[in-house]
Amino acid sequence: MTNRGFRGIIDPVTRRKILFIHPEHNTSYWGFQYSLPLFGKRAMHPPLGLVTVAALLPRDWELRLVDMNIEVLKDEDILWSDMVFTGGMTSQAVSLLDLLDRCRDLGRETVVGGPFGSGHPSRLGDKPTYLVLDEAEMTLPPFLADLEKGTPQKLYRSETKPDVTKTPAPRFDLLQLNKYGIMDIQFSRGCPFNCEFCDIITLYGRVPRAKTPSQTLAEMQALYDLGYRGPLFLVDDNFIGNKKAVRELLDAMIPWAQERDYPYYITTEASLNLAEDRKLMDGMRRAGFKRVFLGIETPSLEALKETQKLQNMRMDMVQAVQDITEHNIEVMAGFIVGFDNDEENIFRRQIEFIKQAEIPWAMSGVLAAIPNTQLWTRLEKEGRLLGYHNGDQFGRTNFITKMDPDKLMHGYLQILEEVYDPEAYFDRVLSVLDRLDRAGHPNLHSKHVNPLRIFLITLVAVVVQGLMSRYRRVWWRFMWKLLTRYRSKYVPGLMNSIVGHHFIRFTDDVLDNEKNEGGQRTVVGDLKGGQTAAATGA
């Protein structure tokens, strides 16, 4: 798909000013809001979806982007435009709904897409002017064609999955690159697995669709040409879902990265079976991959079987994590409690697993039912749904659990308290540092360290963590060990330290909120609309 087919669809005099607005995210585990200021950043991720949609519009249109996570949205910004394009995830729902009201009050039409709208269109009510949902490559062209004819419809949907090899490179030039903690690109969409709780297969399908290596390198080059260097996240639902395509990409990425002296510190998401393919792990390492997120979910084989995450059952999961780490790829992981098969010992088992696997960045959440998932369908048939979940994975869930809800929350909070006890967190970081480079793999990014920047970040960490934090004694012990035992790994140690500041403070917030609100946190919305209702975990 090229931009040529979209030119002239809207009269350039009346429809050439398009404002893209990225709503605010709630403070969250993966938002890193408490750590970003220490790095001099405003938000973690850019709005990749919006700049991808921007690339589908004619080049002669005038486009602007306001990311409410890094700057204030002014009325003048909205009034400048002829039309506002927006969307987002569940964590942005409150901001999105407020934004739609604001645009309507200012007399501007809105076009809404993205995962929240695609998964929960009824919750948007009549606030959007137009809903252009699912994947924009399929639904945006008919919307624009109808708009040109003066007959736009309220809703555009498509079950057909687009050929992503025809998707243009995102408009990275619209972004304020230096305001973000990491840049994002996407290589593939979809996942071959069938996890009951996951909506990826509903939104993007079970057959992973991959871009060509030349496409992906062109996107990396576009960021490179804009002067960007640093962390890069391949936001694939499962990077290794199509291993053949991944191998072809790595064969092209390795010389590209070598020729440019490894400009990116690459992170992605993958399934645990990555550990079964040493050749693939080695290729990722040589291409510049330094961190991977894994959906481990639970150490309970019964719960894994229940949720159809069978791929995790065929290996020793602790050993799998360590095998990946020893390829110089640090592991982040997601965990869940609240499965029907969970017994009361699951909380202690999860704590011990995270400790044994030595995973510093371990997000444990309470299972939630998301619309259009197999879990939602099953619970609806069983009459166990309480309403829509509000996206807070750290609160009570939106369905009637098999385990007593108070026991579930008590055990869950115990996980958070122990996993993000400062001493436990920093011990896991030191354990990972001990494993890095153990197999003799070189640190491909050590040459890119800016000594002045590291010095300044260290000074900020000394003030915030070493002087002002409640865990300052633990931090100083960690820094002493880092400087005396792991001096060659000082930079990854410092980065993990600062990120840990967010995790520790965010965990404190969750524990304090649950304690202060006595388990009455609002976590569900009315199934008939967007109104919220308190859930006490019945």
Protein backbone atom coordinates (compact mmCIF):
# COMPACT_ATOMS: atom_id res chain seq x y z
CA MET A 1 0.00 0.00 0.00
CA THR A 2 1.41 3.39 -0.94
CA ASN A 3 0.38 6.89 -0.11
CA ARG A 4 -0.45 7.55 -3.76
CA GLY A 5 -3.86 5.92 -3.47
CA PHE A 6 -4.89 8.31 -0.71
CA ARG A 7 -3.97 11.60 -2.38
CA GLY A 8 -6.83 13.94 -3.06
CA ILE A 9 -9.36 11.97 -1.04
CA ILE A 10 -10.14 15.05 1.05
CA ASP A 11 -10.22 18.55 -0.41
CA PRO A 12 -6.81 19.96 0.59
CA VAL A 13 -8.39 23.33 1.37
CA THR A 14 -10.89 22.03 3.93
CA ARG A 15 -9.37 18.72 5.08
CA ARG A 16 -5.62 19.07 5.08
CA LYS A 17 -4.96 19.90 8.74
CA ILE A 18 -4.97 16.71 10.81
CA LEU A 19 -4.06 16.68 14.49
CA PHE A 20 -3.00 13.39 16.04
CA ILE A 21 -3.46 13.29 19.81
CA HIS A 22 -2.07 10.58 22.08
CA PRO A 23 -4.07 10.46 25.36
CA GLU A 24 -2.41 10.21 28.75
CA HIS A 25 -1.54 6.85 30.26
CA ASN A 26 -2.32 6.03 33.86
CA THR A 27 0.72 5.57 36.08
CA SER A 28 1.54 1.89 35.63
CA TYR A 29 4.20 -0.74 36.18
CA TRP A 30 5.46 -0.49 32.59
CA GLY A 31 5.03 3.29 32.44
CA PHE A 32 8.28 3.90 34.36
CA GLN A 33 6.89 7.29 35.42
CA TYR A 34 9.02 7.45 38.59
CA SER A 35 12.25 6.58 36.76
CA LEU A 36 11.95 8.59 33.55
CA PRO A 37 12.78 11.98 35.14
CA LEU A 38 16.06 10.51 36.38
CA PHE A 39 16.95 9.80 32.75
CA GLY A 40 15.70 13.21 31.59
CA LYS A 41 12.71 11.72 29.71
CA ARG A 42 8.97 12.50 29.71
CA ALA A 43 7.36 9.23 28.53
CA MET A 44 8.51 5.69 27.90
CA HIS A 45 7.04 4.90 24.48
CA PRO A 46 6.00 6.99 21.48
CA PRO A 47 2.54 6.59 19.87
CA LEU A 48 3.65 4.14 17.17
CA GLY A 49 0.07 3.44 16.07
CA LEU A 50 -0.66 7.10 15.38
CA VAL A 51 2.53 7.74 13.40
CA THR A 52 1.82 4.58 11.40
CA VAL A 53 -1.67 5.90 10.55
CA ALA A 54 -0.05 9.23 9.67
CA ALA A 55 2.06 7.43 7.07
CA LEU A 56 -1.14 6.22 5.38
CA LEU A 57 -2.31 9.79 4.76
CA PRO A 58 -1.25 11.93 1.77
CA ARG A 59 2.11 13.62 2.15
CA ASP A 60 0.63 16.97 1.13
CA TRP A 61 -1.64 17.07 4.16
CA GLU A 62 -0.45 19.12 7.09
CA LEU A 63 -0.03 16.86 10.09
CA ARG A 64 0.75 17.59 13.71
CA LEU A 65 1.08 15.35 16.74
CA VAL A 66 0.48 16.17 20.41
CA ASP A 67 1.40 13.47 22.91
CA MET A 68 -0.34 14.39 26.15
CA ASN A 69 2.20 12.27 28.05
CA ILE A 70 5.01 14.71 27.21
CA GLU A 71 3.28 18.07 26.65
CA VAL A 72 0.14 20.02 27.47
CA LEU A 73 -2.66 19.89 24.91
CA LYS A 74 -3.96 23.41 24.30
CA ASP A 75 -7.31 24.43 22.87
CA GLU A 76 -5.41 26.24 20.13
CA ASP A 77 -3.89 22.91 19.04
CA ILE A 78 -7.34 21.39 18.57
CA LEU A 79 -8.76 24.51 16.91
CA TRP A 80 -5.85 24.53 14.43
CA SER A 81 -7.05 21.24 13.00
CA ASP A 82 -9.86 20.26 10.67
CA MET A 83 -10.11 16.82 12.28
CA VAL A 84 -8.56 14.97 15.23
CA PHE A 85 -7.26 11.41 14.99
CA THR A 86 -6.82 9.59 18.30
CA GLY A 87 -7.09 6.23 20.07
CA GLY A 88 -5.25 4.23 22.69
CA MET A 89 -5.25 1.35 25.12
CA THR A 90 -7.36 0.65 28.18
CA SER A 91 -4.82 2.46 30.37
CA GLN A 92 -5.64 5.62 28.37
CA ALA A 93 -9.43 5.26 28.47
CA VAL A 94 -10.17 8.02 30.98
CA SER A 95 -7.99 10.52 29.15
CA LEU A 96 -9.40 9.43 25.78
CA LEU A 97 -13.02 9.92 26.83
CA ASP A 98 -12.25 13.35 28.27
CA LEU A 99 -10.41 14.27 25.09
CA LEU A 100 -13.39 13.32 22.92
CA ASP A 101 -15.68 15.54 24.99
CA ARG A 102 -13.21 18.39 24.71
CA CYS A 103 -12.95 18.09 20.92
CA ARG A 104 -16.74 17.98 20.58
CA ASP A 105 -17.09 21.11 22.74
CA LEU A 106 -14.59 22.87 20.47
CA GLY A 107 -16.45 21.79 17.34
CA ARG A 108 -13.92 19.33 15.95
CA GLU A 109 -14.75 15.92 14.51
CA THR A 110 -12.83 12.95 15.87
CA VAL A 111 -11.63 9.70 14.33
CA VAL A 112 -10.95 6.97 16.89
CA GLY A 113 -9.07 3.72 16.37
CA GLY A 114 -6.65 1.61 18.38
CA PRO A 115 -6.97 -1.42 20.66
CA PHE A 116 -9.34 0.08 23.25
CA GLY A 117 -11.87 1.14 20.62
CA SER A 118 -11.48 -2.09 18.66
CA GLY A 119 -11.98 -4.22 21.75
CA HIS A 120 -14.54 -2.04 23.58
CA PRO A 121 -16.41 0.08 20.97
CA SER A 122 -19.57 0.27 23.07
CA ARG A 123 -17.66 1.91 25.92
CA LEU A 124 -16.94 4.91 23.72
CA GLY A 125 -20.65 5.58 23.40
CA ASP A 126 -21.50 8.44 21.05
CA LYS A 127 -18.40 10.45 21.92
CA PRO A 128 -16.38 9.78 18.71
CA THR A 129 -17.56 11.23 15.43
CA TYR A 130 -16.17 8.23 13.57
CA LEU A 131 -14.85 4.83 14.64
CA VAL A 132 -12.18 3.47 12.29
CA LEU A 133 -11.27 0.27 14.10
CA ASP A 134 -9.17 -2.88 13.72
CA GLU A 135 -6.13 -2.50 11.44
CA ALA A 136 -5.97 0.86 9.70
CA GLU A 137 -4.60 -0.50 6.44
CA MET A 138 -8.03 -2.11 5.89
CA THR A 139 -10.46 0.37 7.45
CA LEU A 140 -8.89 3.78 6.77
CA PRO A 141 -9.13 3.70 2.93
CA PRO A 142 -12.95 3.17 2.80
CA PHE A 143 -13.44 5.82 5.48
CA LEU A 144 -11.40 8.34 3.51
CA ALA A 145 -13.18 7.44 0.28
CA ASP A 146 -16.59 7.95 1.91
CA LEU A 147 -15.39 11.20 3.44
CA GLU A 148 -14.43 12.46 0.00
CA LYS A 149 -17.92 11.67 -1.28
CA GLY A 150 -19.51 13.34 1.73
CA THR A 151 -21.05 10.09 2.99
CA PRO A 152 -18.85 8.96 5.91
CA GLN A 153 -20.28 6.24 8.12
CA LYS A 154 -20.07 6.11 11.91
CA LEU A 155 -18.29 2.74 12.07
CA TYR A 156 -15.65 0.98 9.96
CA ARG A 157 -14.51 -2.54 10.80
CA SER A 158 -12.77 -5.36 8.96
CA GLU A 159 -12.06 -8.98 9.84
CA THR A 160 -9.57 -9.17 6.97
CA LYS A 161 -5.94 -8.90 8.08
CA PRO A 162 -3.76 -6.64 5.92
CA ASP A 163 -0.54 -7.60 4.19
CA VAL A 164 1.96 -5.73 6.36
CA THR A 165 4.61 -5.89 3.64
CA LYS A 166 2.68 -3.02 2.05
CA THR A 167 2.54 -0.89 5.19
CA PRO A 168 4.61 2.30 4.85
CA ALA A 169 7.26 3.30 7.37
CA PRO A 170 5.84 5.30 10.30
CA ARG A 171 6.18 9.09 10.30
CA PHE A 172 8.91 9.20 12.94
CA ASP A 173 9.58 12.81 11.93
CA LEU A 174 6.40 13.82 13.80
CA LEU A 175 7.88 12.66 17.12
CA GLN A 176 9.99 14.55 19.64
CA LEU A 177 12.50 11.73 19.78
CA ASN A 178 14.50 13.04 22.72
CA LYS A 179 11.47 13.05 25.03
CA TYR A 180 11.00 9.26 25.02
CA GLY A 181 12.79 6.54 26.94
CA ILE A 182 12.70 4.17 23.98
CA MET A 183 11.74 4.17 20.31
CA ASP A 184 9.35 1.59 18.85
CA ILE A 185 9.06 -0.22 15.55
CA GLN A 186 7.02 -3.27 14.59
CA PHE A 187 8.22 -6.27 12.58
CA SER A 188 5.23 -8.60 12.84
CA ARG A 189 1.63 -8.83 14.07
CA GLY A 190 -0.13 -11.84 15.54
CA CYS A 191 0.82 -14.87 17.62
CA PRO A 192 0.57 -18.61 16.82
CA PHE A 193 -0.44 -19.60 20.35
CA ASN A 194 -3.88 -19.77 21.91
CA CYS A 195 -3.71 -18.37 25.46
CA GLU A 196 -7.23 -18.13 26.84
CA PHE A 197 -6.85 -14.70 28.46
CA CYS A 198 -5.11 -12.95 25.54
CA ASP A 199 -6.85 -10.73 22.97
CA ILE A 200 -3.90 -10.59 20.54
CA ILE A 201 -5.20 -13.49 18.50
CA THR A 202 -8.59 -11.76 18.23
CA LEU A 203 -7.14 -8.40 17.24
CA TYR A 204 -4.29 -9.58 15.01
CA GLY A 205 -4.80 -13.28 14.33
CA ARG A 206 -2.97 -16.54 15.00
CA VAL A 207 -0.95 -16.43 11.79
CA PRO A 208 1.94 -14.00 12.36
CA ARG A 209 2.33 -11.55 9.47
CA ALA A 210 5.85 -10.19 9.10
CA LYS A 211 7.31 -7.26 7.25
CA THR A 212 10.25 -7.89 4.95
CA PRO A 213 13.79 -7.47 6.28
CA SER A 214 14.29 -4.51 3.94
CA GLN A 215 11.16 -2.82 5.33
CA THR A 216 12.31 -3.25 8.91
CA LEU A 217 15.82 -2.05 8.16
CA ALA A 218 14.35 0.95 6.36
CA GLU A 219 12.46 1.88 9.55
CA MET A 220 15.61 1.44 11.63
CA GLN A 221 17.50 3.55 9.12
CA ALA A 222 14.83 6.26 9.22
CA LEU A 223 15.36 6.61 12.98
CA TYR A 224 19.11 6.50 12.47
CA ASP A 225 18.93 9.28 9.87
CA LEU A 226 16.92 11.41 12.33
CA GLY A 227 19.84 11.10 14.72
CA TYR A 228 18.31 8.61 17.13
CA ARG A 229 20.62 6.27 19.06
CA GLY A 230 19.75 4.17 22.08
CA PRO A 231 16.98 1.77 23.16
CA LEU A 232 14.75 0.34 20.43
CA PHE A 233 11.69 -1.83 21.12
CA LEU A 234 10.32 -4.23 18.53
CA VAL A 235 6.72 -4.19 19.75
CA ASP A 236 5.74 -7.52 18.16
CA ASP A 237 3.13 -9.59 19.97
CA ASN A 238 5.56 -12.51 19.71
CA PHE A 239 8.79 -11.72 17.87
CA ILE A 240 9.56 -15.41 17.24
CA GLY A 241 6.02 -16.33 16.16
CA ASN A 242 7.35 -16.85 12.61
CA LYS A 243 10.87 -18.16 13.12
CA LYS A 244 11.65 -18.39 9.40
CA ALA A 245 10.91 -14.70 8.97
CA VAL A 246 12.90 -13.86 12.10
CA ARG A 247 15.97 -15.70 10.84
CA GLU A 248 15.81 -13.83 7.54
CA LEU A 249 15.53 -10.55 9.45
CA LEU A 250 18.48 -11.35 11.73
CA ASP A 251 20.64 -12.28 8.73
CA ALA A 252 20.05 -8.74 7.46
CA MET A 253 20.16 -6.97 10.85
CA ILE A 254 23.53 -8.33 11.94
CA PRO A 255 25.63 -6.71 9.17
CA TRP A 256 23.46 -3.56 9.33
CA ALA A 257 24.19 -3.19 13.05
CA GLN A 258 27.88 -4.03 12.64
CA GLU A 259 28.34 -1.43 9.91
CA ARG A 260 26.81 1.27 12.17
CA ASP A 261 28.62 0.17 15.31
CA TYR A 262 25.46 -1.09 17.05
CA PRO A 263 23.41 2.11 17.40
CA TYR A 264 20.45 0.43 19.14
CA TYR A 265 19.93 -1.44 22.40
CA ILE A 266 17.11 -3.71 21.24
CA THR A 267 14.23 -5.12 23.30
CA THR A 268 11.29 -7.26 22.20
CA GLU A 269 8.58 -9.68 23.34
CA ALA A 270 8.75 -13.42 22.72
CA SER A 271 7.44 -16.75 23.92
CA LEU A 272 9.46 -18.89 26.31
CA ASN A 273 10.28 -21.43 23.60
CA LEU A 274 12.96 -18.96 22.48
CA ALA A 275 15.17 -20.82 24.99
CA GLU A 276 14.90 -23.99 22.87
CA ASP A 277 16.70 -22.37 19.92
CA ARG A 278 20.29 -21.47 20.80
CA LYS A 279 21.11 -20.49 17.23
CA LEU A 280 18.24 -18.02 17.23
CA MET A 281 19.30 -16.57 20.59
CA ASP A 282 22.84 -16.15 19.32
CA GLY A 283 21.55 -14.40 16.19
CA MET A 284 19.48 -12.03 18.31
CA ARG A 285 22.48 -11.26 20.50
CA ARG A 286 24.69 -10.54 17.48
CA ALA A 287 21.98 -8.29 16.01
CA GLY A 288 21.94 -6.15 19.16
CA PHE A 289 19.08 -7.59 21.24
CA LYS A 290 19.69 -7.01 24.94
CA ARG A 291 16.34 -7.62 26.64
CA VAL A 292 13.23 -9.74 26.03
CA PHE A 293 9.82 -9.84 27.70
CA LEU A 294 8.43 -13.33 28.32
CA GLY A 295 4.89 -14.29 29.29
CA ILE A 296 5.69 -16.91 31.93
CA GLU A 297 2.38 -16.32 33.77
CA THR A 298 2.62 -19.00 36.46
CA PRO A 299 4.77 -21.85 37.82
CA SER A 300 1.58 -23.95 38.11
CA LEU A 301 1.33 -26.57 35.36
CA GLU A 302 -2.37 -26.95 36.11
CA ALA A 303 -2.96 -23.24 35.52
CA LEU A 304 -0.83 -23.26 32.35
CA LYS A 305 -2.96 -26.10 31.02
CA GLU A 306 -6.14 -24.26 32.00
CA THR A 307 -5.13 -21.15 30.08
CA GLN A 308 -3.83 -23.19 27.11
CA LYS A 309 -0.27 -21.91 27.48
CA LEU A 310 1.03 -25.33 26.63
CA GLN A 311 4.31 -24.07 25.15
CA ASN A 312 5.53 -23.24 28.66
CA MET A 313 4.86 -26.77 29.92
CA ARG A 314 7.45 -28.56 27.81
CA MET A 315 10.55 -27.11 29.48
CA ASP A 316 12.08 -26.23 32.83
CA MET A 317 11.03 -22.59 32.94
CA VAL A 318 13.70 -21.48 35.41
CA GLN A 319 16.41 -23.04 33.27
CA ALA A 320 14.90 -21.50 30.15
CA VAL A 321 15.16 -18.00 31.67
CA GLN A 322 18.77 -18.61 32.67
CA ASP A 323 19.68 -19.96 29.23
CA ILE A 324 18.39 -16.77 27.63
CA THR A 325 20.24 -14.60 30.16
CA GLU A 326 23.48 -16.39 29.45
CA HIS A 327 23.17 -15.28 25.83
CA ASN A 328 23.49 -11.72 27.19
CA ILE A 329 19.75 -11.13 26.80
CA GLU A 330 18.16 -9.92 30.03
CA VAL A 331 14.71 -11.31 30.78
CA MET A 332 11.62 -9.33 31.79
CA ALA A 333 8.54 -11.40 32.56
CA GLY A 334 4.83 -11.26 33.23
CA PHE A 335 3.04 -13.33 35.90
CA ILE A 336 -0.63 -13.82 36.75
CA VAL A 337 -2.60 -15.02 39.75
CA GLY A 338 -6.31 -15.73 39.88
CA PHE A 339 -6.59 -18.77 37.61
CA ASP A 340 -9.32 -21.25 38.50
CA ASN A 341 -6.66 -23.88 39.25
CA ASP A 342 -4.66 -21.65 41.59
CA GLU A 343 -4.34 -22.98 45.11
CA GLU A 344 -3.37 -20.94 48.15
CA ASN A 345 0.31 -21.92 47.78
CA ILE A 346 0.51 -20.20 44.39
CA PHE A 347 1.67 -16.93 45.93
CA ARG A 348 4.69 -18.47 47.65
CA ARG A 349 5.45 -20.52 44.52
CA GLN A 350 5.45 -17.42 42.35
CA ILE A 351 7.73 -15.53 44.73
CA GLU A 352 10.18 -18.44 44.80
CA PHE A 353 10.09 -18.81 41.02
CA ILE A 354 10.97 -15.15 40.44
CA LYS A 355 13.80 -15.46 42.95
CA GLN A 356 15.18 -18.68 41.45
CA ALA A 357 14.90 -17.44 37.87
CA GLU A 358 16.62 -14.17 38.90
CA ILE A 359 14.22 -11.87 37.03
CA PRO A 360 14.54 -8.25 38.23
CA TRP A 361 11.68 -6.87 36.09
CA ALA A 362 8.88 -9.24 37.06
CA MET A 363 5.33 -7.92 36.70
CA SER A 364 2.77 -9.90 38.63
CA GLY A 365 -0.88 -9.03 38.03
CA VAL A 366 -4.35 -10.33 38.82
CA LEU A 367 -6.09 -12.16 35.98
CA ALA A 368 -8.70 -10.05 34.20
CA ALA A 369 -11.25 -10.97 31.55
CA ILE A 370 -10.88 -8.89 28.39
CA PRO A 371 -13.72 -8.72 25.82
CA ASN A 372 -13.37 -10.92 22.75
CA THR A 373 -11.08 -13.40 24.50
CA GLN A 374 -11.86 -17.06 25.11
CA LEU A 375 -11.74 -16.32 28.83
CA TRP A 376 -14.43 -13.64 28.50
CA THR A 377 -16.64 -16.00 26.48
CA ARG A 378 -16.25 -18.83 28.99
CA LEU A 379 -16.92 -16.66 32.03
CA GLU A 380 -19.91 -15.04 30.34
CA LYS A 381 -21.43 -18.49 29.73
CA GLU A 382 -20.74 -19.43 33.36
CA GLY A 383 -22.38 -16.23 34.62
CA ARG A 384 -19.21 -15.11 36.40
CA LEU A 385 -18.54 -11.74 34.77
CA LEU A 386 -18.85 -8.64 36.97
CA GLY A 387 -18.29 -6.05 34.24
CA TYR A 388 -15.55 -4.52 32.12
CA HIS A 389 -12.12 -4.32 33.68
CA ASN A 390 -10.59 -0.87 33.91
CA GLY A 391 -7.10 -2.01 32.96
CA ASP A 392 -5.67 -1.91 36.49
CA GLN A 393 -3.87 -5.25 36.70
CA PHE A 394 -2.92 -4.44 40.29
CA GLY A 395 -6.47 -4.26 41.62
CA ARG A 396 -9.32 -6.70 42.04
CA THR A 397 -10.54 -8.53 39.01
CA ASN A 398 -13.80 -8.29 37.04
CA PHE A 399 -15.10 -11.84 37.50
CA ILE A 400 -16.08 -14.19 40.30
CA THR A 401 -12.95 -16.14 41.15
CA LYS A 402 -12.76 -19.70 42.41
CA MET A 403 -10.48 -18.59 45.23
CA ASP A 404 -11.95 -16.39 47.93
CA PRO A 405 -11.36 -12.83 46.60
CA ASP A 406 -9.96 -11.55 49.87
CA LYS A 407 -7.48 -14.43 50.04
CA LEU A 408 -6.57 -13.76 46.40
CA MET A 409 -5.83 -10.09 47.06
CA HIS A 410 -4.01 -10.79 50.32
CA GLY A 411 -1.76 -13.34 48.59
CA TYR A 412 -1.24 -11.11 45.59
CA LEU A 413 -0.18 -8.16 47.70
CA GLN A 414 2.23 -10.47 49.49
CA ILE A 415 3.86 -11.20 46.10
CA LEU A 416 4.28 -7.50 45.39
CA GLU A 417 5.61 -6.76 48.86
CA GLU A 418 8.25 -9.49 48.73
CA VAL A 419 9.27 -9.28 45.07
CA TYR A 420 9.73 -5.51 45.23
CA ASP A 421 11.25 -5.38 48.66
CA PRO A 422 14.30 -3.24 47.78
CA GLU A 423 16.82 -5.78 49.05
CA ALA A 424 15.17 -8.60 47.10
CA TYR A 425 15.07 -6.51 43.92
CA PHE A 426 18.72 -5.45 44.08
CA ASP A 427 19.81 -9.02 44.89
CA ARG A 428 18.13 -10.18 41.66
CA VAL A 429 19.88 -7.43 39.70
CA LEU A 430 23.27 -8.56 41.04
CA SER A 431 22.45 -12.17 40.16
CA VAL A 432 21.66 -11.17 36.58
CA LEU A 433 24.85 -9.14 36.31
CA ASP A 434 26.74 -12.22 37.42
CA ARG A 435 25.23 -14.20 34.54
CA LEU A 436 25.79 -11.60 31.84
CA ASP A 437 28.92 -12.33 29.77
CA ARG A 438 29.41 -15.61 31.66
CA ALA A 439 29.38 -17.54 28.38
CA GLY A 440 31.99 -15.23 26.88
CA HIS A 441 29.58 -13.20 24.76
CA PRO A 442 30.89 -9.65 24.33
CA ASN A 443 28.88 -6.63 25.39
CA LEU A 444 28.22 -5.11 21.98
CA HIS A 445 27.06 -1.82 23.45
CA SER A 446 29.88 -1.00 25.86
CA LYS A 447 31.60 1.25 23.31
CA HIS A 448 28.59 3.58 23.13
CA VAL A 449 28.63 4.68 26.76
CA ASN A 450 28.78 8.45 27.11
CA PRO A 451 30.88 8.99 30.28
CA LEU A 452 29.48 12.47 30.95
CA ARG A 453 25.87 11.28 30.64
CA ILE A 454 26.53 8.31 32.92
CA PHE A 455 28.19 10.63 35.44
CA LEU A 456 25.20 12.99 35.45
CA ILE A 457 22.70 10.14 35.75
CA THR A 458 24.75 8.75 38.64
CA LEU A 459 24.59 12.10 40.42
CA VAL A 460 20.82 12.18 40.06
CA ALA A 461 20.58 8.61 41.35
CA VAL A 462 22.72 9.52 44.36
CA VAL A 463 20.33 12.31 45.26
CA VAL A 464 17.04 10.50 44.56
CA GLN A 465 17.94 6.97 45.64
CA GLY A 466 20.98 7.43 47.85
CA LEU A 467 19.76 10.39 49.89
CA MET A 468 15.98 10.78 49.57
CA SER A 469 14.58 7.25 49.21
CA ARG A 470 13.33 5.06 52.05
CA TYR A 471 15.68 2.29 50.84
CA ARG A 472 18.87 4.38 50.68
CA ARG A 473 20.92 2.02 52.89
CA VAL A 474 20.08 -0.92 50.62
CA TRP A 475 20.93 1.19 47.58
CA TRP A 476 24.36 2.14 48.90
CA ARG A 477 25.15 -1.54 49.62
CA PHE A 478 24.11 -2.37 46.06
CA MET A 479 26.29 0.40 44.61
CA TRP A 480 29.27 -0.74 46.66
CA LYS A 481 28.97 -4.26 45.27
CA LEU A 482 28.42 -2.89 41.77
CA LEU A 483 31.60 -0.80 41.94
CA THR A 484 33.78 -3.43 43.61
CA ARG A 485 32.58 -6.70 42.04
CA TYR A 486 30.89 -5.73 38.76
CA ARG A 487 32.68 -2.57 37.66
CA SER A 488 32.70 -3.69 34.00
CA LYS A 489 28.90 -3.96 34.19
CA TYR A 490 28.36 -0.63 35.90
CA VAL A 491 26.09 0.79 33.19
CA PRO A 492 23.50 -2.04 33.12
CA GLY A 493 23.67 -2.12 36.91
CA LEU A 494 22.96 1.62 37.16
CA MET A 495 20.12 1.37 34.64
CA ASN A 496 18.51 -1.48 36.59
CA SER A 497 18.94 0.52 39.77
CA ILE A 498 17.08 3.53 38.40
CA VAL A 499 14.32 1.44 36.86
CA GLY A 500 14.01 -0.29 40.21
CA HIS A 501 13.19 3.08 41.76
CA HIS A 502 9.99 3.12 39.71
CA PHE A 503 9.08 -0.46 40.56
CA ILE A 504 9.61 0.08 44.29
CA ARG A 505 7.65 3.34 44.41
CA PHE A 506 4.86 1.98 42.22
CA THR A 507 4.56 -1.08 44.45
CA ASP A 508 4.39 1.19 47.49
CA ASP A 509 1.51 3.06 45.79
CA VAL A 510 -0.39 -0.16 45.08
CA LEU A 511 0.04 -1.45 48.62
CA ASP A 512 -0.91 1.91 50.16
CA ASN A 513 -4.00 2.27 47.94
CA GLU A 514 -5.26 -1.19 48.79
CA LYS A 515 -4.66 -0.61 52.47
CA ASN A 516 -6.26 2.84 52.53
CA GLU A 517 -9.28 1.92 50.40
CA GLY A 518 -9.94 -1.34 52.20
CA GLY A 519 -10.36 -3.42 49.05
CA GLN A 520 -13.07 -1.17 47.60
CA ARG A 521 -11.10 0.02 44.56
CA THR A 522 -13.18 0.68 41.46
CA VAL A 523 -12.06 -1.86 38.90
CA VAL A 524 -15.01 -2.65 36.68
CA GLY A 525 -17.41 -0.80 34.43
CA ASP A 526 -21.04 -1.47 33.61
CA LEU A 527 -21.33 -4.05 30.82
CA LYS A 528 -23.94 -1.85 29.17
CA GLY A 529 -21.76 1.23 28.93
CA GLY A 530 -18.88 3.23 30.27
CA GLN A 531 -20.16 3.97 33.77
CA THR A 532 -17.98 2.54 36.52
CA ALA A 533 -19.19 0.47 39.43
CA ALA A 534 -17.33 -0.50 42.59
CA ALA A 535 -16.26 -4.13 42.77
CA THR A 536 -15.48 -5.57 46.18
CA GLY A 537 -14.46 -8.93 44.78
CA ALA A 538 -17.61 -10.94 45.32
